[in-house]
C-alpha cells in the first residue's frame, strides 16, 4: 500500500524559534520529538514570503511567475495541476483542514474534503481581541487570547484532522490518504492562552541587529512597527507563546494518530508558509528577502526517508514538496514543475549530494489584486527576486539595488557585498541563474494580463467570519458566529428587558 501523507503546515514560523534549531528558550517538545526522527532541512526557502503566493507555489510546484502567485487573494488558475489534486487522481483520499487563504470561487483546489477552514476566502485568522473584528493589529495585538481555547483555530484544526482520519480509517482502511492540517499560529495577532505567555515573561532576548540603513525595497515592503521597548518585548514573548501553543496542538494530533496506528505507513512533513522578522532589522512580518522572512523549518520522516535525526544544509525549496512526495509515493511527477525531486537527498542525507543549486524566492508589491494598497507596476523598488544556497544569497530589486550576502560570515545579513570587486564573478554567475526563465518586463506584462483574467474566478460571496464548517450534507456554516456576529445584532426599540449586552449597549 502506498504511504499516507500527513502535511503539517503552520503560518509564519521563523525557523530559529524551535528547540530542534537550537533555541533554548522556546518549548517545542512535540516538533523536537518529530525532528529526532526526521531529516531536518536547514536551508528550506519559501517561494514567496507572503501567505497566499507561498501556498499557491507549494500547491502547484511552481514559482510565483509561473502560477500567477502575485500577492494575497489571487487564484490558482485551472490549468495548473495541484499537489493534492494529483494525489487524488491516483487513488488518494485528500483533505484540507484549516486556513489556506485561497482566493476566488474554488476553495478546494484539488482537495476532495474541507471539513473546517477559511472557505469564504477571508484571511482565515481569528481577530483577537474580539472587539477588533474583522481585523487585528499585528504586534500591538499581543496578549492573552479573548477566544475560548476550545474554539481557537489551532485546537479545532487538530481535533477535526484527527476526526477525519479516524472516520477514514473506519470506512476506507485500504485507501491511502493525503491530509493537510493547516494551523494559523504563530501568525499575528500574537495571542495565546495565558499560561503560554507567562512561560516566556522576561525570557526572550530582543534582537540587536536593528538596521537603520535599509535599502528602499526593504524600507517600503518591510513592516516597520513603532513599538516601545515594552511592546517589543511583549510581542516577542507572545510570538514564542504562539509557537509553543501550536506545537501542543500538533502534538495532540500526532499523539492521537500514533495511538491508533495511523502513522505506521505515513510520511510526515512539517513546514511553514514563510517566516517572521520578529523585530530583526527593525521589521515585523515578512515580504522581504532576509532569512527570518524567507527561510522556513522543514522536517521529513516516514517511508523512504532515512530514519533518525539528520541535518542537511543543501538548498530545498517548498516547490520541491510536490515532486518529492510523488517519488516517495511512487507516483508519476507531472511535467512542467519548477520543483525538483529531492527524495534521494532524504534517503541519503549524509551523502552531500546537491540536487538543487539554489532555492529561489520572490515578492511583488505591485502584484496586489485588490484596490487596497495598490502599487503601480511602473514604480521602482516594489518587487524582489532572490536565489539562495546554504552559504550565499543574491537579491535583485526591480529597478533598484542588487545585494549579495555571505550567510556564513554575516548571518544577520548586514553587509551587502554586491559592489565588492572581490565578489563580482560570484554576482555575475548568480545573476545569470536568477534570470533563467525570468524577466522583469514579462512579469509586469503577465500581471496586467492576469488582472483581467482573474475577474471570472471571483466567488461573488462576501467574506464572513474567519472559518466555516462543512456539514455532512454539504452545507457550509460559520464556525465563529457566536464570537463575532452577535455584537452587531440590531435591538428593536420596543425591547426593554432580557437584552443580551451588545458592544454599544
Foldseek 3Di string as FASTA:
>chain_A
DFFAEEEEAEAAAQACLDVCNVDPQFDLPLVNVLQQWWAWAQFEFFQALAQQLSLLCLQQLAHCLVQVSAHAQFARDPVGQTLLLQVVVVFAQEEEEEERLHHFADPQRRHPYYQKYQNQNDRLAFAPPQVVPPHHDALQRAEAGPDPPCLHRLLVLLVVVLVVVVVCCVPPVPTHYYYYRYHHPPGDPLHYHPVLLVSCVPPDDADPQQAPDDFPLCVVFFAQDDDDPVSLRRSLSSRSSRSNVSSVSVSSNVVSCVVVVNCQAYKYKYKYSFHFCSCHNNGTGERDDASRRTGMIIIIHHQLFDTGNHYALWYAYSSQPSVQVCVSRVHDRDPDRPHDHPSVCRNPVPPPDHPDAWYKYKHAQCLDQDPVSHDHLVDFSGMKMWIDTSFKIWIDGGNTDTFIDGCVVCVSRPDGCCPPPVCVVVNVVRVVVRCDVDDSVVSNVVSVVVSVVSVVRHNPDDRDRSMWGQDPVGDIDDSCCVSHVVLPDDDDPVDDDPDDDHPVD
